[in-house]
PDB file of N, CA and C in Angstrom:
ATOM      1  N   MET A   1      -6.694  19.192  -2.320  1.00  0.00           N
ATOM      2  CA  MET A   1      -6.895  17.937  -1.609  1.00  0.00           C
ATOM      3  C   MET A   1      -7.132  16.827  -2.635  1.00  0.00           C
ATOM      4  N   ILE A   2      -6.492  15.686  -2.407  1.00  0.00           N
ATOM      5  CA  ILE A   2      -6.708  14.504  -3.244  1.00  0.00           C
ATOM      6  C   ILE A   2      -7.113  13.340  -2.353  1.00  0.00           C
ATOM      7  N   THR A   3      -7.760  12.373  -2.937  1.00  0.00           N
ATOM      8  CA  THR A   3      -8.205  11.190  -2.198  1.00  0.00           C
ATOM      9  C   THR A   3      -7.509   9.971  -2.763  1.00  0.00           C
ATOM     10  N   CYS A   4      -6.926   9.183  -1.866  1.00  0.00           N
ATOM     11  CA  CYS A   4      -6.276   7.937  -2.248  1.00  0.00           C
ATOM     12  C   CYS A   4      -7.268   6.802  -2.029  1.00  0.00           C
ATOM     13  N   PHE A   5      -7.512   6.046  -3.087  1.00  0.00           N
ATOM     14  CA  PHE A   5      -8.336   4.850  -3.010  1.00  0.00           C
ATOM     15  C   PHE A   5      -7.408   3.657  -3.165  1.00  0.00           C
ATOM     16  N   ILE A   6      -7.360   2.805  -2.161  1.00  0.00           N
ATOM     17  CA  ILE A   6      -6.553   1.592  -2.224  1.00  0.00           C
ATOM     18  C   ILE A   6      -7.517   0.423  -2.408  1.00  0.00           C
ATOM     19  N   ARG A   7      -7.352  -0.290  -3.497  1.00  0.00           N
ATOM     20  CA  ARG A   7      -8.176  -1.473  -3.748  1.00  0.00           C
ATOM     21  C   ARG A   7      -7.343  -2.691  -3.400  1.00  0.00           C
ATOM     22  N   TYR A   8      -7.889  -3.514  -2.516  1.00  0.00           N
ATOM     23  CA  TYR A   8      -7.219  -4.739  -2.094  1.00  0.00           C
ATOM     24  C   TYR A   8      -7.948  -5.954  -2.650  1.00  0.00           C
ATOM     25  N   GLU A   9      -7.186  -6.937  -3.046  1.00  0.00           N
ATOM     26  CA  GLU A   9      -7.720  -8.270  -3.259  1.00  0.00           C
ATOM     27  C   GLU A   9      -7.226  -9.061  -2.056  1.00  0.00           C
ATOM     28  N   ILE A  10      -8.161  -9.562  -1.252  1.00  0.00           N
ATOM     29  CA  ILE A  10      -7.786 -10.248  -0.021  1.00  0.00           C
ATOM     30  C   ILE A  10      -8.173 -11.724  -0.083  1.00  0.00           C
ATOM     31  N   GLU A  11      -7.546 -12.492   0.771  1.00  0.00           N
ATOM     32  CA  GLU A  11      -7.867 -13.914   0.910  1.00  0.00           C
ATOM     33  C   GLU A  11      -9.258 -14.009   1.538  1.00  0.00           C
ATOM     34  N   ALA A  12     -10.176 -14.691   0.877  1.00  0.00           N
ATOM     35  CA  ALA A  12     -11.574 -14.753   1.319  1.00  0.00           C
ATOM     36  C   ALA A  12     -11.741 -15.325   2.720  1.00  0.00           C
ATOM     37  N   PHE A  13     -10.861 -16.208   3.128  1.00  0.00           N
ATOM     38  CA  PHE A  13     -11.000 -16.840   4.431  1.00  0.00           C
ATOM     39  C   PHE A  13     -10.189 -16.148   5.514  1.00  0.00           C
ATOM     40  N   LYS A  14      -9.644 -14.964   5.191  1.00  0.00           N
ATOM     41  CA  LYS A  14      -8.861 -14.210   6.172  1.00  0.00           C
ATOM     42  C   LYS A  14      -9.405 -12.790   6.336  1.00  0.00           C
ATOM     43  N   LYS A  15     -10.728 -12.655   6.232  1.00  0.00           N
ATOM     44  CA  LYS A  15     -11.342 -11.336   6.385  1.00  0.00           C
ATOM     45  C   LYS A  15     -11.126 -10.756   7.781  1.00  0.00           C
ATOM     46  N   ASP A  16     -11.070 -11.615   8.795  1.00  0.00           N
ATOM     47  CA  ASP A  16     -10.834 -11.129  10.159  1.00  0.00           C
ATOM     48  C   ASP A  16      -9.437 -10.527  10.295  1.00  0.00           C
ATOM     49  N   ALA A  17      -8.460 -11.121   9.628  1.00  0.00           N
ATOM     50  CA  ALA A  17      -7.101 -10.581   9.649  1.00  0.00           C
ATOM     51  C   ALA A  17      -7.071  -9.222   8.958  1.00  0.00           C
ATOM     52  N   PHE A  18      -7.788  -9.102   7.839  1.00  0.00           N
ATOM     53  CA  PHE A  18      -7.849  -7.806   7.161  1.00  0.00           C
ATOM     54  C   PHE A  18      -8.517  -6.770   8.064  1.00  0.00           C
ATOM     55  N   ALA A  19      -9.556  -7.156   8.783  1.00  0.00           N
ATOM     56  CA  ALA A  19     -10.246  -6.217   9.685  1.00  0.00           C
ATOM     57  C   ALA A  19      -9.299  -5.738  10.788  1.00  0.00           C
ATOM     58  N   GLU A  20      -8.468  -6.612  11.306  1.00  0.00           N
ATOM     59  CA  GLU A  20      -7.480  -6.206  12.320  1.00  0.00           C
ATOM     60  C   GLU A  20      -6.476  -5.225  11.712  1.00  0.00           C
ATOM     61  N   TYR A  21      -6.010  -5.531  10.528  1.00  0.00           N
ATOM     62  CA  TYR A  21      -5.096  -4.670   9.781  1.00  0.00           C
ATOM     63  C   TYR A  21      -5.727  -3.278   9.602  1.00  0.00           C
ATOM     64  N   ALA A  22      -6.978  -3.246   9.211  1.00  0.00           N
ATOM     65  CA  ALA A  22      -7.697  -1.989   8.997  1.00  0.00           C
ATOM     66  C   ALA A  22      -7.821  -1.195  10.296  1.00  0.00           C
ATOM     67  N   ARG A  23      -8.158  -1.860  11.392  1.00  0.00           N
ATOM     68  CA  ARG A  23      -8.274  -1.160  12.682  1.00  0.00           C
ATOM     69  C   ARG A  23      -6.929  -0.559  13.092  1.00  0.00           C
ATOM     70  N   ASN A  24      -5.847  -1.281  12.828  1.00  0.00           N
ATOM     71  CA  ASN A  24      -4.518  -0.739  13.135  1.00  0.00           C
ATOM     72  C   ASN A  24      -4.249   0.525  12.328  1.00  0.00           C
ATOM     73  N   TRP A  25      -4.581   0.521  11.030  1.00  0.00           N
ATOM     74  CA  TRP A  25      -4.389   1.723  10.223  1.00  0.00           C
ATOM     75  C   TRP A  25      -5.283   2.852  10.719  1.00  0.00           C
ATOM     76  N   GLY A  26      -6.418   2.502  11.294  1.00  0.00           N
ATOM     77  CA  GLY A  26      -7.301   3.521  11.860  1.00  0.00           C
ATOM     78  C   GLY A  26      -6.634   4.334  12.953  1.00  0.00           C
ATOM     79  N   GLN A  27      -5.632   3.773  13.595  1.00  0.00           N
ATOM     80  CA  GLN A  27      -4.855   4.487  14.610  1.00  0.00           C
ATOM     81  C   GLN A  27      -3.639   5.182  14.001  1.00  0.00           C
ATOM     82  N   VAL A  28      -2.988   4.541  13.059  1.00  0.00           N
ATOM     83  CA  VAL A  28      -1.704   5.014  12.533  1.00  0.00           C
ATOM     84  C   VAL A  28      -1.860   6.110  11.476  1.00  0.00           C
ATOM     85  N   ILE A  29      -2.787   5.942  10.553  1.00  0.00           N
ATOM     86  CA  ILE A  29      -2.904   6.871   9.428  1.00  0.00           C
ATOM     87  C   ILE A  29      -3.183   8.305   9.884  1.00  0.00           C
ATOM     88  N   PRO A  30      -4.191   8.556  10.726  1.00  0.00           N
ATOM     89  CA  PRO A  30      -4.435   9.943  11.148  1.00  0.00           C
ATOM     90  C   PRO A  30      -3.249  10.534  11.926  1.00  0.00           C
ATOM     91  N   LYS A  31      -2.592   9.703  12.714  1.00  0.00           N
ATOM     92  CA  LYS A  31      -1.461  10.158  13.518  1.00  0.00           C
ATOM     93  C   LYS A  31      -0.287  10.614  12.647  1.00  0.00           C
ATOM     94  N   ASN A  32      -0.237  10.123  11.418  1.00  0.00           N
ATOM     95  CA  ASN A  32       0.889  10.438  10.544  1.00  0.00           C
ATOM     96  C   ASN A  32       0.545  11.405   9.410  1.00  0.00           C
ATOM     97  N   GLY A  33      -0.650  12.002   9.455  1.00  0.00           N
ATOM     98  CA  GLY A  33      -0.918  13.136   8.585  1.00  0.00           C
ATOM     99  C   GLY A  33      -1.915  12.978   7.462  1.00  0.00           C
ATOM    100  N   ALA A  34      -2.651  11.863   7.396  1.00  0.00           N
ATOM    101  CA  ALA A  34      -3.693  11.730   6.372  1.00  0.00           C
ATOM    102  C   ALA A  34      -5.056  11.676   7.049  1.00  0.00           C
ATOM    103  N   ASP A  35      -6.069  12.150   6.341  1.00  0.00           N
ATOM    104  CA  ASP A  35      -7.450  12.173   6.837  1.00  0.00           C
ATOM    105  C   ASP A  35      -8.130  10.873   6.406  1.00  0.00           C
ATOM    106  N   LEU A  36      -8.150   9.900   7.295  1.00  0.00           N
ATOM    107  CA  LEU A  36      -8.710   8.587   6.969  1.00  0.00           C
ATOM    108  C   LEU A  36     -10.225   8.654   6.865  1.00  0.00           C
ATOM    109  N   ILE A  37     -10.751   8.235   5.722  1.00  0.00           N
ATOM    110  CA  ILE A  37     -12.193   8.097   5.542  1.00  0.00           C
ATOM    111  C   ILE A  37     -12.613   6.735   6.069  1.00  0.00           C
ATOM    112  N   GLY A  38     -11.845   5.700   5.743  1.00  0.00           N
ATOM    113  CA  GLY A  38     -12.128   4.389   6.312  1.00  0.00           C
ATOM    114  C   GLY A  38     -11.588   3.253   5.478  1.00  0.00           C
ATOM    115  N   TYR A  39     -11.656   2.083   6.088  1.00  0.00           N
ATOM    116  CA  TYR A  39     -11.342   0.821   5.422  1.00  0.00           C
ATOM    117  C   TYR A  39     -12.645   0.057   5.295  1.00  0.00           C
ATOM    118  N   PHE A  40     -12.847  -0.577   4.173  1.00  0.00           N
ATOM    119  CA  PHE A  40     -14.106  -1.236   3.863  1.00  0.00           C
ATOM    120  C   PHE A  40     -13.818  -2.671   3.453  1.00  0.00           C
ATOM    121  N   ALA A  41     -14.417  -3.607   4.172  1.00  0.00           N
ATOM    122  CA  ALA A  41     -14.207  -5.034   3.930  1.00  0.00           C
ATOM    123  C   ALA A  41     -15.441  -5.634   3.267  1.00  0.00           C
ATOM    124  N   PRO A  42     -15.290  -6.794   2.636  1.00  0.00           N
ATOM    125  CA  PRO A  42     -16.426  -7.440   1.983  1.00  0.00           C
ATOM    126  C   PRO A  42     -17.595  -7.670   2.949  1.00  0.00           C
ATOM    127  N   HIS A  43     -18.776  -7.411   2.446  1.00  0.00           N
ATOM    128  CA  HIS A  43     -19.995  -7.653   3.226  1.00  0.00           C
ATOM    129  C   HIS A  43     -20.979  -8.495   2.412  1.00  0.00           C
ATOM    130  N   GLU A  44     -21.237  -8.067   1.182  1.00  0.00           N
ATOM    131  CA  GLU A  44     -22.160  -8.770   0.287  1.00  0.00           C
ATOM    132  C   GLU A  44     -21.575  -8.665  -1.113  1.00  0.00           C
ATOM    133  N   GLY A  45     -21.741  -9.685  -1.896  1.00  0.00           N
ATOM    134  CA  GLY A  45     -21.159  -9.682  -3.237  1.00  0.00           C
ATOM    135  C   GLY A  45     -19.782 -10.320  -3.188  1.00  0.00           C
ATOM    136  N   SER A  46     -18.787  -9.613  -3.676  1.00  0.00           N
ATOM    137  CA  SER A  46     -17.420 -10.133  -3.695  1.00  0.00           C
ATOM    138  C   SER A  46     -16.928 -10.440  -2.286  1.00  0.00           C
ATOM    139  N   ALA A  47     -16.280 -11.582  -2.131  1.00  0.00           N
ATOM    140  CA  ALA A  47     -15.697 -11.959  -0.836  1.00  0.00           C
ATOM    141  C   ALA A  47     -14.226 -11.594  -0.767  1.00  0.00           C
ATOM    142  N   THR A  48     -13.706 -10.985  -1.841  1.00  0.00           N
ATOM    143  CA  THR A  48     -12.262 -10.750  -1.896  1.00  0.00           C
ATOM    144  C   THR A  48     -11.864  -9.307  -2.181  1.00  0.00           C
ATOM    145  N   THR A  49     -12.817  -8.400  -2.350  1.00  0.00           N
ATOM    146  CA  THR A  49     -12.496  -7.006  -2.657  1.00  0.00           C
ATOM    147  C   THR A  49     -12.710  -6.137  -1.425  1.00  0.00           C
ATOM    148  N   ALA A  50     -11.679  -5.351  -1.088  1.00  0.00           N
ATOM    149  CA  ALA A  50     -11.740  -4.433   0.046  1.00  0.00           C
ATOM    150  C   ALA A  50     -11.112  -3.105  -0.376  1.00  0.00           C
ATOM    151  N   TYR A  51     -11.385  -2.049   0.391  1.00  0.00           N
ATOM    152  CA  TYR A  51     -10.864  -0.719   0.067  1.00  0.00           C
ATOM    153  C   TYR A  51     -10.379  -0.002   1.310  1.00  0.00           C
ATOM    154  N   GLY A  52      -9.381   0.846   1.117  1.00  0.00           N
ATOM    155  CA  GLY A  52      -8.956   1.834   2.099  1.00  0.00           C
ATOM    156  C   GLY A  52      -9.034   3.178   1.406  1.00  0.00           C
ATOM    157  N   VAL A  53      -9.557   4.208   2.099  1.00  0.00           N
ATOM    158  CA  VAL A  53      -9.761   5.515   1.475  1.00  0.00           C
ATOM    159  C   VAL A  53      -9.339   6.608   2.446  1.00  0.00           C
ATOM    160  N   TYR A  54      -8.489   7.523   1.968  1.00  0.00           N
ATOM    161  CA  TYR A  54      -8.109   8.658   2.794  1.00  0.00           C
ATOM    162  C   TYR A  54      -7.799   9.878   1.932  1.00  0.00           C
ATOM    163  N   ASN A  55      -7.927  11.047   2.552  1.00  0.00           N
ATOM    164  CA  ASN A  55      -7.601  12.311   1.903  1.00  0.00           C
ATOM    165  C   ASN A  55      -6.218  12.761   2.338  1.00  0.00           C
ATOM    166  N   ILE A  56      -5.532  13.429   1.426  1.00  0.00           N
ATOM    167  CA  ILE A  56      -4.231  14.017   1.731  1.00  0.00           C
ATOM    168  C   ILE A  56      -4.079  15.270   0.878  1.00  0.00           C
ATOM    169  N   GLU A  57      -3.285  16.194   1.358  1.00  0.00           N
ATOM    170  CA  GLU A  57      -3.176  17.514   0.723  1.00  0.00           C
ATOM    171  C   GLU A  57      -2.670  17.467  -0.724  1.00  0.00           C
ATOM    172  N   SER A  58      -1.633  16.677  -0.984  1.00  0.00           N
ATOM    173  CA  SER A  58      -1.015  16.666  -2.307  1.00  0.00           C
ATOM    174  C   SER A  58      -0.146  15.418  -2.454  1.00  0.00           C
ATOM    175  N   LEU A  59       0.376  15.196  -3.648  1.00  0.00           N
ATOM    176  CA  LEU A  59       1.296  14.064  -3.837  1.00  0.00           C
ATOM    177  C   LEU A  59       2.596  14.281  -3.061  1.00  0.00           C
ATOM    178  N   ALA A  60       3.042  15.520  -2.939  1.00  0.00           N
ATOM    179  CA  ALA A  60       4.235  15.810  -2.129  1.00  0.00           C
ATOM    180  C   ALA A  60       3.970  15.484  -0.659  1.00  0.00           C
ATOM    181  N   ALA A  61       2.795  15.844  -0.165  1.00  0.00           N
ATOM    182  CA  ALA A  61       2.425  15.518   1.222  1.00  0.00           C
ATOM    183  C   ALA A  61       2.312  14.011   1.391  1.00  0.00           C
ATOM    184  N   TYR A  62       1.848  13.322   0.354  1.00  0.00           N
ATOM    185  CA  TYR A  62       1.741  11.867   0.393  1.00  0.00           C
ATOM    186  C   TYR A  62       3.116  11.223   0.572  1.00  0.00           C
ATOM    187  N   GLU A  63       4.109  11.703  -0.153  1.00  0.00           N
ATOM    188  CA  GLU A  63       5.458  11.139  -0.039  1.00  0.00           C
ATOM    189  C   GLU A  63       5.998  11.299   1.379  1.00  0.00           C
ATOM    190  N   ALA A  64       5.813  12.468   1.980  1.00  0.00           N
ATOM    191  CA  ALA A  64       6.268  12.696   3.356  1.00  0.00           C
ATOM    192  C   ALA A  64       5.479  11.816   4.332  1.00  0.00           C
ATOM    193  N   TYR A  65       4.189  11.699   4.108  1.00  0.00           N
ATOM    194  CA  TYR A  65       3.328  10.853   4.939  1.00  0.00           C
ATOM    195  C   TYR A  65       3.784   9.398   4.887  1.00  0.00           C
ATOM    196  N   ARG A  66       4.082   8.888   3.693  1.00  0.00           N
ATOM    197  CA  ARG A  66       4.528   7.496   3.554  1.00  0.00           C
ATOM    198  C   ARG A  66       5.821   7.247   4.327  1.00  0.00           C
ATOM    199  N   ALA A  67       6.713   8.209   4.331  1.00  0.00           N
ATOM    200  CA  ALA A  67       7.964   8.071   5.082  1.00  0.00           C
ATOM    201  C   ALA A  67       7.670   8.009   6.581  1.00  0.00           C
ATOM    202  N   ARG A  68       6.766   8.867   7.062  1.00  0.00           N
ATOM    203  CA  ARG A  68       6.399   8.829   8.487  1.00  0.00           C
ATOM    204  C   ARG A  68       5.729   7.505   8.840  1.00  0.00           C
ATOM    205  N   LEU A  69       4.865   7.029   7.955  1.00  0.00           N
ATOM    206  CA  LEU A  69       4.157   5.765   8.166  1.00  0.00           C
ATOM    207  C   LEU A  69       5.141   4.603   8.289  1.00  0.00           C
ATOM    208  N   ALA A  70       6.136   4.571   7.425  1.00  0.00           N
ATOM    209  CA  ALA A  70       7.134   3.502   7.445  1.00  0.00           C
ATOM    210  C   ALA A  70       7.998   3.545   8.702  1.00  0.00           C
ATOM    211  N   ALA A  71       8.152   4.726   9.295  1.00  0.00           N
ATOM    212  CA  ALA A  71       8.965   4.874  10.505  1.00  0.00           C
ATOM    213  C   ALA A  71       8.157   4.662  11.782  1.00  0.00           C
ATOM    214  N   ASP A  72       6.846   4.693  11.693  1.00  0.00           N
ATOM    215  CA  ASP A  72       5.984   4.546  12.870  1.00  0.00           C
ATOM    216  C   ASP A  72       6.037   3.092  13.359  1.00  0.00           C
ATOM    217  N   PRO A  73       6.246   2.861  14.667  1.00  0.00           N
ATOM    218  CA  PRO A  73       6.334   1.478  15.173  1.00  0.00           C
ATOM    219  C   PRO A  73       5.098   0.632  14.862  1.00  0.00           C
ATOM    220  N   LEU A  74       3.888   1.164  15.072  1.00  0.00           N
ATOM    221  CA  LEU A  74       2.686   0.385  14.769  1.00  0.00           C
ATOM    222  C   LEU A  74       2.522   0.226  13.258  1.00  0.00           C
ATOM    223  N   GLY A  75       2.935   1.216  12.481  1.00  0.00           N
ATOM    224  CA  GLY A  75       2.900   1.090  11.032  1.00  0.00           C
ATOM    225  C   GLY A  75       3.804  -0.039  10.548  1.00  0.00           C
ATOM    226  N   ARG A  76       5.029  -0.080  11.059  1.00  0.00           N
ATOM    227  CA  ARG A  76       5.955  -1.162  10.694  1.00  0.00           C
ATOM    228  C   ARG A  76       5.401  -2.511  11.115  1.00  0.00           C
ATOM    229  N   GLU A  77       4.828  -2.554  12.319  1.00  0.00           N
ATOM    230  CA  GLU A  77       4.239  -3.800  12.821  1.00  0.00           C
ATOM    231  C   GLU A  77       3.080  -4.256  11.936  1.00  0.00           C
ATOM    232  N   ASN A  78       2.274  -3.307  11.458  1.00  0.00           N
ATOM    233  CA  ASN A  78       1.131  -3.658  10.623  1.00  0.00           C
ATOM    234  C   ASN A  78       1.579  -4.165   9.250  1.00  0.00           C
ATOM    235  N   TYR A  79       2.595  -3.529   8.672  1.00  0.00           N
ATOM    236  CA  TYR A  79       3.160  -4.037   7.414  1.00  0.00           C
ATOM    237  C   TYR A  79       3.656  -5.470   7.596  1.00  0.00           C
ATOM    238  N   GLU A  80       4.347  -5.719   8.707  1.00  0.00           N
ATOM    239  CA  GLU A  80       4.888  -7.054   8.985  1.00  0.00           C
ATOM    240  C   GLU A  80       3.755  -8.067   9.202  1.00  0.00           C
ATOM    241  N   PHE A  81       2.701  -7.659   9.898  1.00  0.00           N
ATOM    242  CA  PHE A  81       1.533  -8.515  10.114  1.00  0.00           C
ATOM    243  C   PHE A  81       0.946  -8.962   8.770  1.00  0.00           C
ATOM    244  N   ALA A  82       0.774  -8.018   7.843  1.00  0.00           N
ATOM    245  CA  ALA A  82       0.220  -8.352   6.522  1.00  0.00           C
ATOM    246  C   ALA A  82       1.154  -9.284   5.757  1.00  0.00           C
ATOM    247  N   ARG A  83       2.447  -9.033   5.834  1.00  0.00           N
ATOM    248  CA  ARG A  83       3.414  -9.893   5.138  1.00  0.00           C
ATOM    249  C   ARG A  83       3.395 -11.307   5.707  1.00  0.00           C
ATOM    250  N   ARG A  84       3.386 -11.385   7.028  1.00  0.00           N
ATOM    251  CA  ARG A  84       3.437 -12.688   7.701  1.00  0.00           C
ATOM    252  C   ARG A  84       2.161 -13.503   7.470  1.00  0.00           C
ATOM    253  N   GLU A  85       1.006 -12.873   7.568  1.00  0.00           N
ATOM    254  CA  GLU A  85      -0.280 -13.576   7.475  1.00  0.00           C
ATOM    255  C   GLU A  85      -0.769 -13.760   6.037  1.00  0.00           C
ATOM    256  N   ARG A  86      -0.228 -13.010   5.107  1.00  0.00           N
ATOM    257  CA  ARG A  86      -0.524 -13.154   3.675  1.00  0.00           C
ATOM    258  C   ARG A  86      -2.022 -13.091   3.333  1.00  0.00           C
ATOM    259  N   PHE A  87      -2.730 -12.153   3.947  1.00  0.00           N
ATOM    260  CA  PHE A  87      -4.151 -12.005   3.631  1.00  0.00           C
ATOM    261  C   PHE A  87      -4.383 -11.013   2.499  1.00  0.00           C
ATOM    262  N   ILE A  88      -3.372 -10.228   2.144  1.00  0.00           N
ATOM    263  CA  ILE A  88      -3.475  -9.314   1.003  1.00  0.00           C
ATOM    264  C   ILE A  88      -2.824  -9.985  -0.195  1.00  0.00           C
ATOM    265  N   LEU A  89      -3.617 -10.229  -1.230  1.00  0.00           N
ATOM    266  CA  LEU A  89      -3.109 -10.867  -2.434  1.00  0.00           C
ATOM    267  C   LEU A  89      -2.651  -9.852  -3.471  1.00  0.00           C
ATOM    268  N   LYS A  90      -3.315  -8.685  -3.484  1.00  0.00           N
ATOM    269  CA  LYS A  90      -3.000  -7.642  -4.451  1.00  0.00           C
ATOM    270  C   LYS A  90      -3.443  -6.307  -3.878  1.00  0.00           C
ATOM    271  N   GLU A  91      -2.713  -5.254  -4.229  1.00  0.00           N
ATOM    272  CA  GLU A  91      -3.025  -3.916  -3.722  1.00  0.00           C
ATOM    273  C   GLU A  91      -2.752  -2.900  -4.833  1.00  0.00           C
ATOM    274  N   ASP A  92      -3.742  -2.058  -5.125  1.00  0.00           N
ATOM    275  CA  ASP A  92      -3.602  -1.008  -6.145  1.00  0.00           C
ATOM    276  C   ASP A  92      -4.026   0.323  -5.545  1.00  0.00           C
ATOM    277  N   ARG A  93      -3.308   1.392  -5.914  1.00  0.00           N
ATOM    278  CA  ARG A  93      -3.648   2.740  -5.453  1.00  0.00           C
ATOM    279  C   ARG A  93      -3.978   3.630  -6.636  1.00  0.00           C
ATOM    280  N   ILE A  94      -4.946   4.514  -6.403  1.00  0.00           N
ATOM    281  CA  ILE A  94      -5.251   5.564  -7.371  1.00  0.00           C
ATOM    282  C   ILE A  94      -5.570   6.822  -6.579  1.00  0.00           C
ATOM    283  N   PHE A  95      -5.155   7.964  -7.109  1.00  0.00           N
ATOM    284  CA  PHE A  95      -5.424   9.247  -6.474  1.00  0.00           C
ATOM    285  C   PHE A  95      -6.428   9.997  -7.335  1.00  0.00           C
ATOM    286  N   LEU A  96      -7.530  10.413  -6.714  1.00  0.00           N
ATOM    287  CA  LEU A  96      -8.594  11.114  -7.423  1.00  0.00           C
ATOM    288  C   LEU A  96      -8.895  12.427  -6.727  1.00  0.00           C
ATOM    289  N   LYS A  97      -9.462  13.346  -7.479  1.00  0.00           N
ATOM    290  CA  LYS A  97      -9.856  14.646  -6.938  1.00  0.00           C
ATOM    291  C   LYS A  97     -11.371  14.756  -6.982  1.00  0.00           C
ATOM    292  N   ASN A  98     -11.982  15.203  -5.898  1.00  0.00           N
ATOM    293  CA  ASN A  98     -13.438  15.378  -5.839  1.00  0.00           C
ATOM    294  C   ASN A  98     -13.810  16.607  -6.663  1.00  0.00           C
ATOM    295  N   VAL A  99     -14.583  16.396  -7.714  1.00  0.00           N
ATOM    296  CA  VAL A  99     -14.986  17.508  -8.579  1.00  0.00           C
ATOM    297  C   VAL A  99     -16.474  17.826  -8.477  1.00  0.00           C
ATOM    298  N   SER A 100     -17.189  17.144  -7.583  1.00  0.00           N
ATOM    299  CA  SER A 100     -18.633  17.386  -7.460  1.00  0.00           C
ATOM    300  C   SER A 100     -18.987  18.294  -6.286  1.00  0.00           C
ATOM    301  N   ALA A 101     -18.042  18.620  -5.420  1.00  0.00           N
ATOM    302  CA  ALA A 101     -18.317  19.445  -4.244  1.00  0.00           C
ATOM    303  C   ALA A 101     -18.490  20.903  -4.658  1.00  0.00           C
ATOM    304  N   PRO A 102     -19.257  21.693  -3.945  1.00  0.00           N
ATOM    305  CA  PRO A 102     -19.952  21.335  -2.706  1.00  0.00           C
ATOM    306  C   PRO A 102     -21.252  20.596  -3.001  1.00  0.00           C
ATOM    307  N   HIS A 103     -21.612  19.740  -2.086  1.00  0.00           N
ATOM    308  CA  HIS A 103     -22.828  18.936  -2.236  1.00  0.00           C
ATOM    309  C   HIS A 103     -23.985  19.579  -1.475  1.00  0.00           C
ATOM    310  N   ALA A 104     -25.182  19.290  -1.945  1.00  0.00           N
ATOM    311  CA  ALA A 104     -26.387  19.738  -1.237  1.00  0.00           C
ATOM    312  C   ALA A 104     -26.543  18.919   0.040  1.00  0.00           C
ATOM    313  N   LYS A 105     -27.302  19.428   0.979  1.00  0.00           N
ATOM    314  CA  LYS A 105     -27.582  18.684   2.204  1.00  0.00           C
ATOM    315  C   LYS A 105     -28.489  17.488   1.874  1.00  0.00           C
ATOM    316  N   LEU A 106     -28.272  16.395   2.611  1.00  0.00           N
ATOM    317  CA  LEU A 106     -29.081  15.204   2.454  1.00  0.00           C
ATOM    318  C   LEU A 106     -30.521  15.503   2.874  1.00  0.00           C
ATOM    319  N   VAL A 107     -31.465  15.087   2.040  1.00  0.00           N
ATOM    320  CA  VAL A 107     -32.884  15.233   2.340  1.00  0.00           C
ATOM    321  C   VAL A 107     -33.464  13.831   2.432  1.00  0.00           C
ATOM    322  N   LEU A 108     -34.016  13.496   3.580  1.00  0.00           N
ATOM    323  CA  LEU A 108     -34.636  12.182   3.765  1.00  0.00           C
ATOM    324  C   LEU A 108     -36.114  12.263   3.433  1.00  0.00           C
ATOM    325  N   PRO A 109     -36.655  11.239   2.776  1.00  0.00           N
ATOM    326  CA  PRO A 109     -38.081  11.262   2.410  1.00  0.00           C
ATOM    327  C   PRO A 109     -38.985  11.190   3.617  1.00  0.00           C
TER     328      PRO A 109
END
């Protein structure tokens, strides 16, 4: 299993548009074969940095997933929404592997 971290640079005054974009992916990504952890928008600190994070089996599975995503009607609509509204200024992807698991159970004080 690998985790894809997508770092977005977004337009600071279009955070609501990014949130709509993220909610749309919340429906499309799981339906097309990736385990969505979530989309994260600015809250405190940077007003322009956002993230999308999901797990996928392998890079080969990622390629097949991307093809399904591009063919999905809501996926195509969401890509077009981002292009039309121009709230994403930059997007970078990195794939990482979790090497700290298994984790201990959370203990609250």
